[in-house]
Amino acid sequence: VPGCPPTAEALLYGILALQRKIRRTGTIAR
């Protein structure tokens, strides 16, 4: 998020979203 430092909740949400994307791409790749 530009202009302001991300909060702990934002970081956790982003990490979970990235993990879901990685899992989806991994399953699709296989």
PDB file of N, CA and C in Angstrom:
ATOM      1  N   VAL A   1       0.855  -1.196   0.000  1.00  0.00           N
ATOM      2  CA  VAL A   1       0.000   0.000   0.000  1.00  0.00           C
ATOM      3  C   VAL A   1       0.888   1.242   0.000  1.00  0.00           C
ATOM      4  N   PRO A   2       0.910   2.016  -1.060  1.00  0.00           N
ATOM      5  CA  PRO A   2       1.774   3.199  -1.153  1.00  0.00           C
ATOM      6  C   PRO A   2       1.303   4.323  -0.252  1.00  0.00           C
ATOM      7  N   GLY A   3       2.243   5.033   0.365  1.00  0.00           N
ATOM      8  CA  GLY A   3       1.880   6.204   1.157  1.00  0.00           C
ATOM      9  C   GLY A   3       1.771   5.903   2.636  1.00  0.00           C
ATOM     10  N   CYS A   4       1.577   4.637   3.006  1.00  0.00           N
ATOM     11  CA  CYS A   4       1.460   4.324   4.430  1.00  0.00           C
ATOM     12  C   CYS A   4       1.988   2.923   4.681  1.00  0.00           C
ATOM     13  N   PRO A   5       2.644   2.696   5.805  1.00  0.00           N
ATOM     14  CA  PRO A   5       3.192   1.373   6.131  1.00  0.00           C
ATOM     15  C   PRO A   5       2.075   0.376   6.391  1.00  0.00           C
ATOM     16  N   PRO A   6       2.184  -0.838   5.882  1.00  0.00           N
ATOM     17  CA  PRO A   6       1.150  -1.863   6.076  1.00  0.00           C
ATOM     18  C   PRO A   6       1.077  -2.305   7.530  1.00  0.00           C
ATOM     19  N   THR A   7      -0.128  -2.594   7.988  1.00  0.00           N
ATOM     20  CA  THR A   7      -0.306  -3.046   9.370  1.00  0.00           C
ATOM     21  C   THR A   7      -0.098  -4.554   9.445  1.00  0.00           C
ATOM     22  N   ALA A   8      -0.046  -5.082  10.644  1.00  0.00           N
ATOM     23  CA  ALA A   8       0.145  -6.526  10.819  1.00  0.00           C
ATOM     24  C   ALA A   8      -0.979  -7.283  10.119  1.00  0.00           C
ATOM     25  N   GLU A   9      -2.204  -6.784  10.248  1.00  0.00           N
ATOM     26  CA  GLU A   9      -3.336  -7.469   9.612  1.00  0.00           C
ATOM     27  C   GLU A   9      -3.178  -7.462   8.099  1.00  0.00           C
ATOM     28  N   ALA A  10      -2.748  -6.327   7.551  1.00  0.00           N
ATOM     29  CA  ALA A  10      -2.570  -6.232   6.104  1.00  0.00           C
ATOM     30  C   ALA A  10      -1.486  -7.208   5.649  1.00  0.00           C
ATOM     31  N   LEU A  11      -0.393  -7.292   6.411  1.00  0.00           N
ATOM     32  CA  LEU A  11       0.688  -8.209   6.041  1.00  0.00           C
ATOM     33  C   LEU A  11       0.196  -9.655   6.067  1.00  0.00           C
ATOM     34  N   LEU A  12      -0.529 -10.028   7.133  1.00  0.00           N
ATOM     35  CA  LEU A  12      -1.031 -11.398   7.235  1.00  0.00           C
ATOM     36  C   LEU A  12      -1.973 -11.694   6.079  1.00  0.00           C
ATOM     37  N   TYR A  13      -2.870 -10.751   5.775  1.00  0.00           N
ATOM     38  CA  TYR A  13      -3.816 -10.956   4.670  1.00  0.00           C
ATOM     39  C   TYR A  13      -3.063 -11.128   3.355  1.00  0.00           C
ATOM     40  N   GLY A  14      -2.052 -10.304   3.146  1.00  0.00           N
ATOM     41  CA  GLY A  14      -1.279 -10.395   1.912  1.00  0.00           C
ATOM     42  C   GLY A  14      -0.552 -11.729   1.815  1.00  0.00           C
ATOM     43  N   ILE A  15       0.026 -12.178   2.920  1.00  0.00           N
ATOM     44  CA  ILE A  15       0.750 -13.456   2.916  1.00  0.00           C
ATOM     45  C   ILE A  15      -0.207 -14.601   2.591  1.00  0.00           C
ATOM     46  N   LEU A  16      -1.387 -14.592   3.205  1.00  0.00           N
ATOM     47  CA  LEU A  16      -2.363 -15.650   2.943  1.00  0.00           C
ATOM     48  C   LEU A  16      -2.774 -15.623   1.477  1.00  0.00           C
ATOM     49  N   ALA A  17      -2.994 -14.445   0.932  1.00  0.00           N
ATOM     50  CA  ALA A  17      -3.396 -14.322  -0.473  1.00  0.00           C
ATOM     51  C   ALA A  17      -2.288 -14.863  -1.376  1.00  0.00           C
ATOM     52  N   LEU A  18      -1.027 -14.525  -1.068  1.00  0.00           N
ATOM     53  CA  LEU A  18       0.083 -15.011  -1.886  1.00  0.00           C
ATOM     54  C   LEU A  18       0.165 -16.531  -1.826  1.00  0.00           C
ATOM     55  N   GLN A  19      -0.006 -17.106  -0.623  1.00  0.00           N
ATOM     56  CA  GLN A  19       0.057 -18.560  -0.483  1.00  0.00           C
ATOM     57  C   GLN A  19      -1.044 -19.216  -1.309  1.00  0.00           C
ATOM     58  N   ARG A  20      -2.252 -18.632  -1.310  1.00  0.00           N
ATOM     59  CA  ARG A  20      -3.351 -19.202  -2.098  1.00  0.00           C
ATOM     60  C   ARG A  20      -3.013 -19.150  -3.581  1.00  0.00           C
ATOM     61  N   LYS A  21      -2.452 -18.028  -4.033  1.00  0.00           N
ATOM     62  CA  LYS A  21      -2.092 -17.906  -5.451  1.00  0.00           C
ATOM     63  C   LYS A  21      -1.034 -18.939  -5.803  1.00  0.00           C
ATOM     64  N   ILE A  22      -0.032 -19.093  -4.924  1.00  0.00           N
ATOM     65  CA  ILE A  22       1.044 -20.050  -5.195  1.00  0.00           C
ATOM     66  C   ILE A  22       0.465 -21.465  -5.278  1.00  0.00           C
ATOM     67  N   ARG A  23      -0.456 -21.793  -4.364  1.00  0.00           N
ATOM     68  CA  ARG A  23      -1.046 -23.135  -4.386  1.00  0.00           C
ATOM     69  C   ARG A  23      -1.845 -23.337  -5.666  1.00  0.00           C
ATOM     70  N   ARG A  24      -2.591 -22.307  -6.092  1.00  0.00           N
ATOM     71  CA  ARG A  24      -3.396 -22.438  -7.314  1.00  0.00           C
ATOM     72  C   ARG A  24      -2.490 -22.629  -8.518  1.00  0.00           C
ATOM     73  N   THR A  25      -1.461 -21.808  -8.637  1.00  0.00           N
ATOM     74  CA  THR A  25      -0.554 -21.919  -9.777  1.00  0.00           C
ATOM     75  C   THR A  25       0.162 -23.267  -9.737  1.00  0.00           C
ATOM     76  N   GLY A  26       0.509 -23.731  -8.544  1.00  0.00           N
ATOM     77  CA  GLY A  26       1.200 -25.012  -8.423  1.00  0.00           C
ATOM     78  C   GLY A  26       0.319 -26.151  -8.904  1.00  0.00           C
ATOM     79  N   THR A  27      -0.949 -26.141  -8.486  1.00  0.00           N
ATOM     80  CA  THR A  27      -1.853 -27.213  -8.892  1.00  0.00           C
ATOM     81  C   THR A  27      -2.108 -27.139 -10.390  1.00  0.00           C
ATOM     82  N   ILE A  28      -2.233 -25.928 -10.933  1.00  0.00           N
ATOM     83  CA  ILE A  28      -2.485 -25.780 -12.371  1.00  0.00           C
ATOM     84  C   ILE A  28      -1.255 -26.237 -13.157  1.00  0.00           C
ATOM     85  N   ALA A  29      -0.066 -25.886 -12.657  1.00  0.00           N
ATOM     86  CA  ALA A  29       1.167 -26.260 -13.353  1.00  0.00           C
ATOM     87  C   ALA A  29       1.284 -27.780 -13.411  1.00  0.00           C
ATOM     88  N   ARG A  30       0.922 -28.450 -12.328  1.00  0.00           N
ATOM     89  CA  ARG A  30       1.022 -29.905 -12.309  1.00  0.00           C
ATOM     90  C   ARG A  30      -0.096 -30.508 -13.151  1.00  0.00           C
TER      91      ARG A  30
END
